[in-house]
Amino acid sequence: MEAIVFYPSPPIGHLISMVELGKLILTHQPSLSIHILITPPPYNAGDTAPYIAQVSTAFPSITFHHLPTAALPPSTTPPTHHEILIFELLRSNNPNVRHALLSMSKNYTILGLVMDLFCFHALSSATDLNIPAYFFYTSGAGCLALFLYSTTLHENTTTSFKDIKTTLFDVPGTPPVLPTDMPKPLLERDDKVYKYFLEASNQLPKSAGIIVNTFDCLEPRPLKAITDGLCVLNGPTPPIYCVGPLIVTKDGGGDGSGGVPECLTWLDSQPSRSVAFLCFGSLGLFSVDQLEEIATGLERSGSQCYL
């Protein structure tokens, strides 16, 4: 029997994204078996047990495997970013992932290992076992272009991005980016979390492909820049697979009536190209200044707001 193995990082938002991708694949290939590796989190990342039980009941083709607890390396100082804990946990977890893949290989033909960004250490295990490894990038193509190009930005600079106040970064396929507006974990060059993300950006192009939660018509510029090889300058760019938008659906529709959700009815009634969609993820947190900038932009656009 053929199977695909999914390997999300511990927070529940990452798990939900992987499950939705698994559901999508099953709609096209219902004969496949989907296996999801569950890693015990290093901190309270949200209780996943009720969600896992619900999915297991509704989708018998999706099986969850709870991996043993991996020990974090000893540290004398608290981490500056919670992402460091995730990266280090998943690095320590690599032997458990390898063992799980070997065990499943006895009963299944594993067509691929699909992992999220934080799980890049498992790429070596998949390669050793001759299992194609794919990354599932849940942000958009613009963010992926920036992330892939961060290796080049690193090579072309010598100071931390937080200290570059005026020069704009020209990232292929995206508007110019002010270095101080880069994602927070990338601002401090000497921080451990920066090194982990830089290593991850180096590993993505070595995969069999990158699955992105977007679609061609939404982000044509960054997708073209990536596929043309403009974002990875030190080697080939793997195939890019657009599978979005993945949306968590609930039985019976969004309004409880069993019909079309109210928000989709409203969207369908709007003029073409008149809606701006803002998606901040499950951990989207913004300062007061950032929220004011978003509100000002929406107000100046003359757009209606729908929450």
C-alpha atoms as a PDB file:
ATOM      1  CA  MET A   1       0.000   0.000   0.000  1.00  0.00           C
ATOM      2  CA  GLU A   2       1.235   3.503  -0.829  1.00  0.00           C
ATOM      3  CA  ALA A   3       1.562   6.177   1.838  1.00  0.00           C
ATOM      4  CA  ILE A   4       2.638   9.756   2.385  1.00  0.00           C
ATOM      5  CA  VAL A   5       4.172  10.796   5.699  1.00  0.00           C
ATOM      6  CA  PHE A   6       3.601  14.295   7.080  1.00  0.00           C
ATOM      7  CA  TYR A   7       5.915  15.811   9.658  1.00  0.00           C
ATOM      8  CA  PRO A   8       4.672  19.085  11.210  1.00  0.00           C
ATOM      9  CA  SER A   9       6.309  21.012  14.018  1.00  0.00           C
ATOM     10  CA  PRO A  10       4.449  20.755  17.361  1.00  0.00           C
ATOM     11  CA  PRO A  11       2.204  23.882  17.473  1.00  0.00           C
ATOM     12  CA  ILE A  12      -1.373  23.010  16.607  1.00  0.00           C
ATOM     13  CA  GLY A  13      -1.536  25.547  13.779  1.00  0.00           C
ATOM     14  CA  HIS A  14       1.172  23.614  11.919  1.00  0.00           C
ATOM     15  CA  LEU A  15      -0.630  20.334  12.547  1.00  0.00           C
ATOM     16  CA  ILE A  16      -3.951  21.668  11.224  1.00  0.00           C
ATOM     17  CA  SER A  17      -2.277  22.912   8.047  1.00  0.00           C
ATOM     18  CA  MET A  18      -0.733  19.498   7.425  1.00  0.00           C
ATOM     19  CA  VAL A  19      -4.037  17.718   8.027  1.00  0.00           C
ATOM     20  CA  GLU A  20      -5.811  19.998   5.544  1.00  0.00           C
ATOM     21  CA  LEU A  21      -3.149  19.190   2.956  1.00  0.00           C
ATOM     22  CA  GLY A  22      -3.650  15.502   3.679  1.00  0.00           C
ATOM     23  CA  LYS A  23      -7.410  15.857   3.191  1.00  0.00           C
ATOM     24  CA  LEU A  24      -6.816  17.595  -0.132  1.00  0.00           C
ATOM     25  CA  ILE A  25      -4.538  14.815  -1.351  1.00  0.00           C
ATOM     26  CA  LEU A  26      -7.093  12.193  -0.354  1.00  0.00           C
ATOM     27  CA  THR A  27      -9.747  13.875  -2.492  1.00  0.00           C
ATOM     28  CA  HIS A  28      -7.540  13.156  -5.512  1.00  0.00           C
ATOM     29  CA  GLN A  29      -5.985   9.874  -4.370  1.00  0.00           C
ATOM     30  CA  PRO A  30      -8.397   8.213  -1.901  1.00  0.00           C
ATOM     31  CA  SER A  31      -6.431   4.961  -1.993  1.00  0.00           C
ATOM     32  CA  LEU A  32      -3.436   6.572  -0.298  1.00  0.00           C
ATOM     33  CA  SER A  33      -2.678   6.225   3.391  1.00  0.00           C
ATOM     34  CA  ILE A  34      -1.731   9.433   5.206  1.00  0.00           C
ATOM     35  CA  HIS A  35       0.533   9.190   8.256  1.00  0.00           C
ATOM     36  CA  ILE A  36       1.259  12.186  10.483  1.00  0.00           C
ATOM     37  CA  LEU A  37       4.147  12.252  12.945  1.00  0.00           C
ATOM     38  CA  ILE A  38       3.344  13.970  16.245  1.00  0.00           C
ATOM     39  CA  THR A  39       6.222  15.420  18.276  1.00  0.00           C
ATOM     40  CA  PRO A  40       5.660  16.264  21.973  1.00  0.00           C
ATOM     41  CA  PRO A  41       6.143  20.057  22.248  1.00  0.00           C
ATOM     42  CA  PRO A  42       8.805  21.658  24.485  1.00  0.00           C
ATOM     43  CA  TYR A  43       6.179  24.066  25.876  1.00  0.00           C
ATOM     44  CA  ASN A  44       2.401  24.441  25.952  1.00  0.00           C
ATOM     45  CA  ALA A  45       1.653  24.757  22.242  1.00  0.00           C
ATOM     46  CA  GLY A  46      -2.053  23.971  22.482  1.00  0.00           C
ATOM     47  CA  ASP A  47      -3.829  20.720  23.271  1.00  0.00           C
ATOM     48  CA  THR A  48      -3.966  18.658  20.083  1.00  0.00           C
ATOM     49  CA  ALA A  49      -5.678  15.555  21.524  1.00  0.00           C
ATOM     50  CA  PRO A  50      -9.335  16.564  20.823  1.00  0.00           C
ATOM     51  CA  TYR A  51      -8.446  17.651  17.304  1.00  0.00           C
ATOM     52  CA  ILE A  52      -6.524  14.436  16.566  1.00  0.00           C
ATOM     53  CA  ALA A  53      -9.416  12.339  17.883  1.00  0.00           C
ATOM     54  CA  GLN A  54     -11.898  14.231  15.717  1.00  0.00           C
ATOM     55  CA  VAL A  55      -9.808  13.830  12.536  1.00  0.00           C
ATOM     56  CA  SER A  56      -9.101  10.144  13.242  1.00  0.00           C
ATOM     57  CA  THR A  57     -12.825   9.460  13.477  1.00  0.00           C
ATOM     58  CA  ALA A  58     -13.796  11.433  10.376  1.00  0.00           C
ATOM     59  CA  PHE A  59     -10.877  10.313   8.183  1.00  0.00           C
ATOM     60  CA  PRO A  60      -9.831   6.689   8.748  1.00  0.00           C
ATOM     61  CA  SER A  61      -7.131   7.039   6.051  1.00  0.00           C
ATOM     62  CA  ILE A  62      -5.274   9.533   8.260  1.00  0.00           C
ATOM     63  CA  THR A  63      -3.199   7.909  11.011  1.00  0.00           C
ATOM     64  CA  PHE A  64      -1.314   9.773  13.736  1.00  0.00           C
ATOM     65  CA  HIS A  65       1.954   8.456  15.168  1.00  0.00           C
ATOM     66  CA  HIS A  66       3.065   9.854  18.528  1.00  0.00           C
ATOM     67  CA  LEU A  67       6.858   9.953  18.620  1.00  0.00           C
ATOM     68  CA  PRO A  68       8.852   9.529  21.855  1.00  0.00           C
ATOM     69  CA  THR A  69       9.831  12.654  23.739  1.00  0.00           C
ATOM     70  CA  ALA A  70      13.147  13.997  22.493  1.00  0.00           C
ATOM     71  CA  ALA A  71      15.525  15.578  24.972  1.00  0.00           C
ATOM     72  CA  LEU A  72      16.505  19.181  24.393  1.00  0.00           C
ATOM     73  CA  PRO A  73      20.232  19.964  24.526  1.00  0.00           C
ATOM     74  CA  PRO A  74      21.343  21.529  27.825  1.00  0.00           C
ATOM     75  CA  SER A  75      21.497  25.304  27.860  1.00  0.00           C
ATOM     76  CA  THR A  76      22.805  27.779  30.418  1.00  0.00           C
ATOM     77  CA  THR A  77      20.856  30.736  29.042  1.00  0.00           C
ATOM     78  CA  PRO A  78      17.172  31.058  28.165  1.00  0.00           C
ATOM     79  CA  PRO A  79      16.474  31.232  24.399  1.00  0.00           C
ATOM     80  CA  THR A  80      15.867  34.647  22.898  1.00  0.00           C
ATOM     81  CA  HIS A  81      13.106  33.279  20.632  1.00  0.00           C
ATOM     82  CA  HIS A  82      10.654  30.419  21.112  1.00  0.00           C
ATOM     83  CA  GLU A  83      11.578  29.232  17.602  1.00  0.00           C
ATOM     84  CA  ILE A  84      14.964  28.151  18.952  1.00  0.00           C
ATOM     85  CA  LEU A  85      13.265  25.586  21.200  1.00  0.00           C
ATOM     86  CA  ILE A  86      11.356  24.193  18.216  1.00  0.00           C
ATOM     87  CA  PHE A  87      14.432  23.963  16.003  1.00  0.00           C
ATOM     88  CA  GLU A  88      16.500  22.264  18.702  1.00  0.00           C
ATOM     89  CA  LEU A  89      13.730  19.870  19.665  1.00  0.00           C
ATOM     90  CA  LEU A  90      13.215  18.772  16.063  1.00  0.00           C
ATOM     91  CA  ARG A  91      16.938  18.327  15.556  1.00  0.00           C
ATOM     92  CA  SER A  92      17.047  16.051  18.609  1.00  0.00           C
ATOM     93  CA  ASN A  93      13.939  14.308  17.292  1.00  0.00           C
ATOM     94  CA  ASN A  94      15.604  13.201  14.058  1.00  0.00           C
ATOM     95  CA  PRO A  95      16.461   9.640  15.263  1.00  0.00           C
ATOM     96  CA  ASN A  96      12.783   9.125  16.207  1.00  0.00           C
ATOM     97  CA  VAL A  97      11.684  10.271  12.748  1.00  0.00           C
ATOM     98  CA  ARG A  98      14.155   7.949  11.064  1.00  0.00           C
ATOM     99  CA  HIS A  99      12.957   5.014  13.173  1.00  0.00           C
ATOM    100  CA  ALA A 100       9.315   5.808  12.340  1.00  0.00           C
ATOM    101  CA  LEU A 101      10.056   5.951   8.612  1.00  0.00           C
ATOM    102  CA  LEU A 102      11.917   2.646   8.750  1.00  0.00           C
ATOM    103  CA  SER A 103       9.072   1.026  10.662  1.00  0.00           C
ATOM    104  CA  MET A 104       6.398   2.270   8.241  1.00  0.00           C
ATOM    105  CA  SER A 105       8.504   1.198   5.252  1.00  0.00           C
ATOM    106  CA  LYS A 106       7.939  -2.426   6.279  1.00  0.00           C
ATOM    107  CA  ASN A 107       4.212  -2.182   5.532  1.00  0.00           C
ATOM    108  CA  TYR A 108       3.943   0.729   3.099  1.00  0.00           C
ATOM    109  CA  THR A 109       5.609   2.157   0.034  1.00  0.00           C
ATOM    110  CA  ILE A 110       6.351   5.691   1.208  1.00  0.00           C
ATOM    111  CA  LEU A 111       5.927   8.061  -1.729  1.00  0.00           C
ATOM    112  CA  GLY A 112       7.219  11.074   0.136  1.00  0.00           C
ATOM    113  CA  LEU A 113       7.932  12.845   3.412  1.00  0.00           C
ATOM    114  CA  VAL A 114       6.237  16.255   3.659  1.00  0.00           C
ATOM    115  CA  MET A 115       7.600  18.476   6.414  1.00  0.00           C
ATOM    116  CA  ASP A 116       7.309  22.075   7.416  1.00  0.00           C
ATOM    117  CA  LEU A 117      10.143  24.561   7.565  1.00  0.00           C
ATOM    118  CA  PHE A 118      11.142  23.856  11.166  1.00  0.00           C
ATOM    119  CA  CYS A 119      11.645  20.156  10.433  1.00  0.00           C
ATOM    120  CA  PHE A 120      14.444  20.605   7.898  1.00  0.00           C
ATOM    121  CA  HIS A 121      16.795  18.336   9.876  1.00  0.00           C
ATOM    122  CA  ALA A 122      14.695  15.370   8.722  1.00  0.00           C
ATOM    123  CA  LEU A 123      15.766  15.998   5.123  1.00  0.00           C
ATOM    124  CA  SER A 124      18.938  14.004   5.723  1.00  0.00           C
ATOM    125  CA  SER A 125      17.012  11.004   7.088  1.00  0.00           C
ATOM    126  CA  ALA A 126      14.664  10.964   4.104  1.00  0.00           C
ATOM    127  CA  THR A 127      17.602  11.200   1.706  1.00  0.00           C
ATOM    128  CA  ASP A 128      19.416   8.321   3.425  1.00  0.00           C
ATOM    129  CA  LEU A 129      16.265   6.167   3.121  1.00  0.00           C
ATOM    130  CA  ASN A 130      15.677   7.144  -0.524  1.00  0.00           C
ATOM    131  CA  ILE A 131      12.370   8.814   0.342  1.00  0.00           C
ATOM    132  CA  PRO A 132      11.550  11.994  -1.635  1.00  0.00           C
ATOM    133  CA  ALA A 133      11.329  14.902   0.810  1.00  0.00           C
ATOM    134  CA  TYR A 134       9.080  17.912   0.261  1.00  0.00           C
ATOM    135  CA  PHE A 135       8.616  21.112   2.237  1.00  0.00           C
ATOM    136  CA  PHE A 136       5.140  22.491   2.887  1.00  0.00           C
ATOM    137  CA  TYR A 137       5.386  26.279   3.066  1.00  0.00           C
ATOM    138  CA  THR A 138       2.139  27.573   4.556  1.00  0.00           C
ATOM    139  CA  SER A 139       2.848  31.264   3.954  1.00  0.00           C
ATOM    140  CA  GLY A 140       2.498  32.815   0.511  1.00  0.00           C
ATOM    141  CA  ALA A 141       4.861  32.808  -2.442  1.00  0.00           C
ATOM    142  CA  GLY A 142       6.064  36.341  -1.703  1.00  0.00           C
ATOM    143  CA  CYS A 143       7.247  35.256   1.721  1.00  0.00           C
ATOM    144  CA  LEU A 144       8.837  32.144   0.203  1.00  0.00           C
ATOM    145  CA  ALA A 145      10.737  34.270  -2.333  1.00  0.00           C
ATOM    146  CA  LEU A 146      12.053  36.430   0.495  1.00  0.00           C
ATOM    147  CA  PHE A 147      13.027  33.421   2.547  1.00  0.00           C
ATOM    148  CA  LEU A 148      14.823  31.659  -0.312  1.00  0.00           C
ATOM    149  CA  TYR A 149      16.663  34.873  -1.165  1.00  0.00           C
ATOM    150  CA  SER A 150      17.735  35.442   2.455  1.00  0.00           C
ATOM    151  CA  THR A 151      20.857  33.355   1.801  1.00  0.00           C
ATOM    152  CA  THR A 152      21.929  35.874  -0.837  1.00  0.00           C
ATOM    153  CA  LEU A 153      21.049  38.788   1.449  1.00  0.00           C
ATOM    154  CA  HIS A 154      23.216  37.221   4.140  1.00  0.00           C
ATOM    155  CA  GLU A 155      26.157  36.865   1.759  1.00  0.00           C
ATOM    156  CA  ASN A 156      25.816  40.446   0.537  1.00  0.00           C
ATOM    157  CA  THR A 157      25.737  42.045   3.992  1.00  0.00           C
ATOM    158  CA  THR A 158      28.021  42.081   7.005  1.00  0.00           C
ATOM    159  CA  THR A 159      25.806  43.680   9.646  1.00  0.00           C
ATOM    160  CA  SER A 160      22.500  42.761  11.233  1.00  0.00           C
ATOM    161  CA  PHE A 161      19.408  43.724   9.282  1.00  0.00           C
ATOM    162  CA  LYS A 162      18.146  45.710  12.278  1.00  0.00           C
ATOM    163  CA  ASP A 163      21.098  48.067  11.851  1.00  0.00           C
ATOM    164  CA  ILE A 164      20.501  48.776   8.135  1.00  0.00           C
ATOM    165  CA  LYS A 165      18.162  51.736   8.386  1.00  0.00           C
ATOM    166  CA  THR A 166      17.920  53.201   4.880  1.00  0.00           C
ATOM    167  CA  THR A 167      18.998  50.749   2.154  1.00  0.00           C
ATOM    168  CA  LEU A 168      16.149  48.750   0.635  1.00  0.00           C
ATOM    169  CA  PHE A 169      16.484  45.062  -0.212  1.00  0.00           C
ATOM    170  CA  ASP A 170      15.499  44.214  -3.777  1.00  0.00           C
ATOM    171  CA  VAL A 171      14.070  40.716  -3.487  1.00  0.00           C
ATOM    172  CA  PRO A 172      13.073  39.135  -6.825  1.00  0.00           C
ATOM    173  CA  GLY A 173       9.322  39.066  -7.321  1.00  0.00           C
ATOM    174  CA  THR A 174       8.455  41.264  -4.342  1.00  0.00           C
ATOM    175  CA  PRO A 175       8.305  45.003  -3.582  1.00  0.00           C
ATOM    176  CA  PRO A 176      11.496  46.476  -2.065  1.00  0.00           C
ATOM    177  CA  VAL A 177      11.869  45.534   1.602  1.00  0.00           C
ATOM    178  CA  LEU A 178      13.301  47.710   4.346  1.00  0.00           C
ATOM    179  CA  PRO A 179      15.799  45.530   6.270  1.00  0.00           C
ATOM    180  CA  THR A 180      14.308  46.557   9.610  1.00  0.00           C
ATOM    181  CA  ASP A 181      10.945  45.195   8.385  1.00  0.00           C
ATOM    182  CA  MET A 182      12.323  41.692   7.898  1.00  0.00           C
ATOM    183  CA  PRO A 183      10.818  38.936  10.107  1.00  0.00           C
ATOM    184  CA  LYS A 184      11.897  39.408  13.713  1.00  0.00           C
ATOM    185  CA  PRO A 185      14.018  36.199  13.937  1.00  0.00           C
ATOM    186  CA  LEU A 186      16.138  37.481  11.021  1.00  0.00           C
ATOM    187  CA  LEU A 187      16.962  40.903  12.439  1.00  0.00           C
ATOM    188  CA  GLU A 188      19.950  39.977  14.635  1.00  0.00           C
ATOM    189  CA  ARG A 189      22.768  38.361  12.650  1.00  0.00           C
ATOM    190  CA  ASP A 190      24.526  36.852  15.663  1.00  0.00           C
ATOM    191  CA  ASP A 191      21.398  35.346  17.228  1.00  0.00           C
ATOM    192  CA  LYS A 192      21.064  31.563  17.208  1.00  0.00           C
ATOM    193  CA  VAL A 193      17.572  31.756  15.721  1.00  0.00           C
ATOM    194  CA  TYR A 194      18.970  33.684  12.730  1.00  0.00           C
ATOM    195  CA  LYS A 195      21.462  30.883  12.098  1.00  0.00           C
ATOM    196  CA  TYR A 196      18.709  28.252  12.254  1.00  0.00           C
ATOM    197  CA  PHE A 197      16.535  30.103   9.755  1.00  0.00           C
ATOM    198  CA  LEU A 198      19.524  30.664   7.490  1.00  0.00           C
ATOM    199  CA  GLU A 199      20.270  26.940   7.590  1.00  0.00           C
ATOM    200  CA  ALA A 200      16.633  26.208   6.777  1.00  0.00           C
ATOM    201  CA  SER A 201      16.739  28.542   3.774  1.00  0.00           C
ATOM    202  CA  ASN A 202      19.779  26.612   2.529  1.00  0.00           C
ATOM    203  CA  GLN A 203      17.991  23.265   2.922  1.00  0.00           C
ATOM    204  CA  LEU A 204      14.728  24.119   1.123  1.00  0.00           C
ATOM    205  CA  PRO A 205      16.273  24.050  -2.380  1.00  0.00           C
ATOM    206  CA  LYS A 206      17.725  20.585  -1.685  1.00  0.00           C
ATOM    207  CA  SER A 207      14.250  19.043  -1.417  1.00  0.00           C
ATOM    208  CA  ALA A 208      12.271  17.243  -4.124  1.00  0.00           C
ATOM    209  CA  GLY A 209       9.840  20.157  -4.190  1.00  0.00           C
ATOM    210  CA  ILE A 210       8.198  22.964  -2.228  1.00  0.00           C
ATOM    211  CA  ILE A 211       4.423  22.928  -1.680  1.00  0.00           C
ATOM    212  CA  VAL A 212       3.007  26.429  -1.203  1.00  0.00           C
ATOM    213  CA  ASN A 213      -0.374  27.464   0.175  1.00  0.00           C
ATOM    214  CA  THR A 214      -1.180  29.856  -2.670  1.00  0.00           C
ATOM    215  CA  PHE A 215      -2.363  29.813  -6.278  1.00  0.00           C
ATOM    216  CA  ASP A 216      -0.879  31.125  -9.522  1.00  0.00           C
ATOM    217  CA  CYS A 217      -3.260  34.012 -10.180  1.00  0.00           C
ATOM    218  CA  LEU A 218      -2.853  35.394  -6.671  1.00  0.00           C
ATOM    219  CA  GLU A 219       0.941  35.761  -6.702  1.00  0.00           C
ATOM    220  CA  PRO A 220       2.234  35.547 -10.284  1.00  0.00           C
ATOM    221  CA  ARG A 221       5.287  37.774  -9.769  1.00  0.00           C
ATOM    222  CA  PRO A 222       6.965  35.948  -6.853  1.00  0.00           C
ATOM    223  CA  LEU A 223       6.059  32.550  -8.317  1.00  0.00           C
ATOM    224  CA  LYS A 224       7.695  33.475 -11.632  1.00  0.00           C
ATOM    225  CA  ALA A 225      10.772  34.830  -9.845  1.00  0.00           C
ATOM    226  CA  ILE A 226      11.133  31.605  -7.881  1.00  0.00           C
ATOM    227  CA  THR A 227      10.563  29.249 -10.805  1.00  0.00           C
ATOM    228  CA  ASP A 228      12.929  31.293 -12.987  1.00  0.00           C
ATOM    229  CA  GLY A 229      15.679  30.609 -10.448  1.00  0.00           C
ATOM    230  CA  LEU A 230      16.085  34.240  -9.366  1.00  0.00           C
ATOM    231  CA  CYS A 231      15.715  33.533  -5.632  1.00  0.00           C
ATOM    232  CA  VAL A 232      18.213  30.657  -5.343  1.00  0.00           C
ATOM    233  CA  LEU A 233      21.507  31.744  -6.856  1.00  0.00           C
ATOM    234  CA  ASN A 234      23.809  28.994  -5.610  1.00  0.00           C
ATOM    235  CA  GLY A 235      22.019  26.014  -7.152  1.00  0.00           C
ATOM    236  CA  PRO A 236      18.855  24.749  -8.848  1.00  0.00           C
ATOM    237  CA  THR A 237      15.385  25.621  -7.607  1.00  0.00           C
ATOM    238  CA  PRO A 238      13.156  22.600  -6.867  1.00  0.00           C
ATOM    239  CA  PRO A 239       9.678  22.322  -8.387  1.00  0.00           C
ATOM    240  CA  ILE A 240       7.045  24.588  -6.826  1.00  0.00           C
ATOM    241  CA  TYR A 241       3.550  23.166  -6.251  1.00  0.00           C
ATOM    242  CA  CYS A 242       0.709  25.612  -5.527  1.00  0.00           C
ATOM    243  CA  VAL A 243      -2.077  23.915  -3.568  1.00  0.00           C
ATOM    244  CA  GLY A 244      -3.925  26.829  -1.994  1.00  0.00           C
ATOM    245  CA  PRO A 245      -5.914  28.254  -0.635  1.00  0.00           C
ATOM    246  CA  LEU A 246      -6.302  25.575   2.020  1.00  0.00           C
ATOM    247  CA  ILE A 247      -9.226  26.488   4.267  1.00  0.00           C
ATOM    248  CA  VAL A 248     -10.368  24.668   7.371  1.00  0.00           C
ATOM    249  CA  THR A 249     -13.986  23.748   6.738  1.00  0.00           C
ATOM    250  CA  LYS A 250     -16.630  22.849   9.276  1.00  0.00           C
ATOM    251  CA  ASP A 251     -19.555  20.547   8.667  1.00  0.00           C
ATOM    252  CA  GLY A 252     -22.784  22.331   7.847  1.00  0.00           C
ATOM    253  CA  GLY A 253     -21.309  25.539   6.481  1.00  0.00           C
ATOM    254  CA  GLY A 254     -20.202  28.689   8.235  1.00  0.00           C
ATOM    255  CA  ASP A 255     -23.613  29.880   9.343  1.00  0.00           C
ATOM    256  CA  GLY A 256     -24.867  26.580  10.723  1.00  0.00           C
ATOM    257  CA  SER A 257     -27.605  26.313   8.090  1.00  0.00           C
ATOM    258  CA  GLY A 258     -25.850  23.753   5.916  1.00  0.00           C
ATOM    259  CA  GLY A 259     -25.625  26.242   3.023  1.00  0.00           C
ATOM    260  CA  VAL A 260     -22.887  28.485   1.654  1.00  0.00           C
ATOM    261  CA  PRO A 261     -21.032  30.367   4.439  1.00  0.00           C
ATOM    262  CA  GLU A 262     -22.117  33.984   4.802  1.00  0.00           C
ATOM    263  CA  CYS A 263     -18.602  35.303   4.151  1.00  0.00           C
ATOM    264  CA  LEU A 264     -18.428  33.504   0.769  1.00  0.00           C
ATOM    265  CA  THR A 265     -21.824  34.855  -0.225  1.00  0.00           C
ATOM    266  CA  TRP A 266     -20.578  38.357   0.562  1.00  0.00           C
ATOM    267  CA  LEU A 267     -17.343  37.786  -1.366  1.00  0.00           C
ATOM    268  CA  ASP A 268     -19.196  36.520  -4.426  1.00  0.00           C
ATOM    269  CA  SER A 269     -21.267  39.707  -4.491  1.00  0.00           C
ATOM    270  CA  GLN A 270     -18.228  42.031  -4.647  1.00  0.00           C
ATOM    271  CA  PRO A 271     -16.818  43.508  -7.880  1.00  0.00           C
ATOM    272  CA  SER A 272     -13.880  41.640  -9.416  1.00  0.00           C
ATOM    273  CA  ARG A 273     -10.452  42.528  -7.949  1.00  0.00           C
ATOM    274  CA  SER A 274     -12.016  44.671  -5.226  1.00  0.00           C
ATOM    275  CA  VAL A 275     -11.194  42.620  -2.112  1.00  0.00           C
ATOM    276  CA  ALA A 276      -7.954  42.613  -0.123  1.00  0.00           C
ATOM    277  CA  PHE A 277      -7.452  39.418   1.887  1.00  0.00           C
ATOM    278  CA  LEU A 278      -5.312  39.736   5.002  1.00  0.00           C
ATOM    279  CA  CYS A 279      -4.217  36.493   6.667  1.00  0.00           C
ATOM    280  CA  PHE A 280      -2.023  36.676   9.747  1.00  0.00           C
ATOM    281  CA  GLY A 281      -1.838  33.004  10.706  1.00  0.00           C
ATOM    282  CA  SER A 282      -2.655  31.482  14.063  1.00  0.00           C
ATOM    283  CA  LEU A 283       0.023  33.535  15.859  1.00  0.00           C
ATOM    284  CA  GLY A 284      -0.420  36.843  14.080  1.00  0.00           C
ATOM    285  CA  LEU A 285       0.479  39.469  16.683  1.00  0.00           C
ATOM    286  CA  PHE A 286       1.042  43.126  15.893  1.00  0.00           C
ATOM    287  CA  SER A 287       2.073  46.242  17.753  1.00  0.00           C
ATOM    288  CA  VAL A 288      -0.257  49.222  18.051  1.00  0.00           C
ATOM    289  CA  ASP A 289       1.769  51.080  15.403  1.00  0.00           C
ATOM    290  CA  GLN A 290       1.487  48.168  12.972  1.00  0.00           C
ATOM    291  CA  LEU A 291      -2.274  47.851  13.479  1.00  0.00           C
ATOM    292  CA  GLU A 292      -2.666  51.576  12.883  1.00  0.00           C
ATOM    293  CA  GLU A 293      -0.704  51.279   9.624  1.00  0.00           C
ATOM    294  CA  ILE A 294      -2.925  48.398   8.472  1.00  0.00           C
ATOM    295  CA  ALA A 295      -6.067  50.339   9.371  1.00  0.00           C
ATOM    296  CA  THR A 296      -4.794  53.459   7.590  1.00  0.00           C
ATOM    297  CA  GLY A 297      -4.006  51.466   4.461  1.00  0.00           C
ATOM    298  CA  LEU A 298      -7.455  49.878   4.400  1.00  0.00           C
ATOM    299  CA  GLU A 299      -9.139  53.216   4.987  1.00  0.00           C
ATOM    300  CA  ARG A 300      -7.200  54.933   2.181  1.00  0.00           C
ATOM    301  CA  SER A 301      -7.993  52.084  -0.196  1.00  0.00           C
ATOM    302  CA  GLY A 302     -11.703  52.844   0.169  1.00  0.00           C
ATOM    303  CA  SER A 303     -12.349  49.164   0.761  1.00  0.00           C
ATOM    304  CA  GLN A 304     -15.049  47.698   2.959  1.00  0.00           C
ATOM    305  CA  CYS A 305     -13.864  45.700   5.962  1.00  0.00           C
ATOM    306  CA  TYR A 306     -15.363  42.282   6.692  1.00  0.00           C
ATOM    307  CA  LEU A 307     -14.274  40.361   9.788  1.00  0.00           C
END
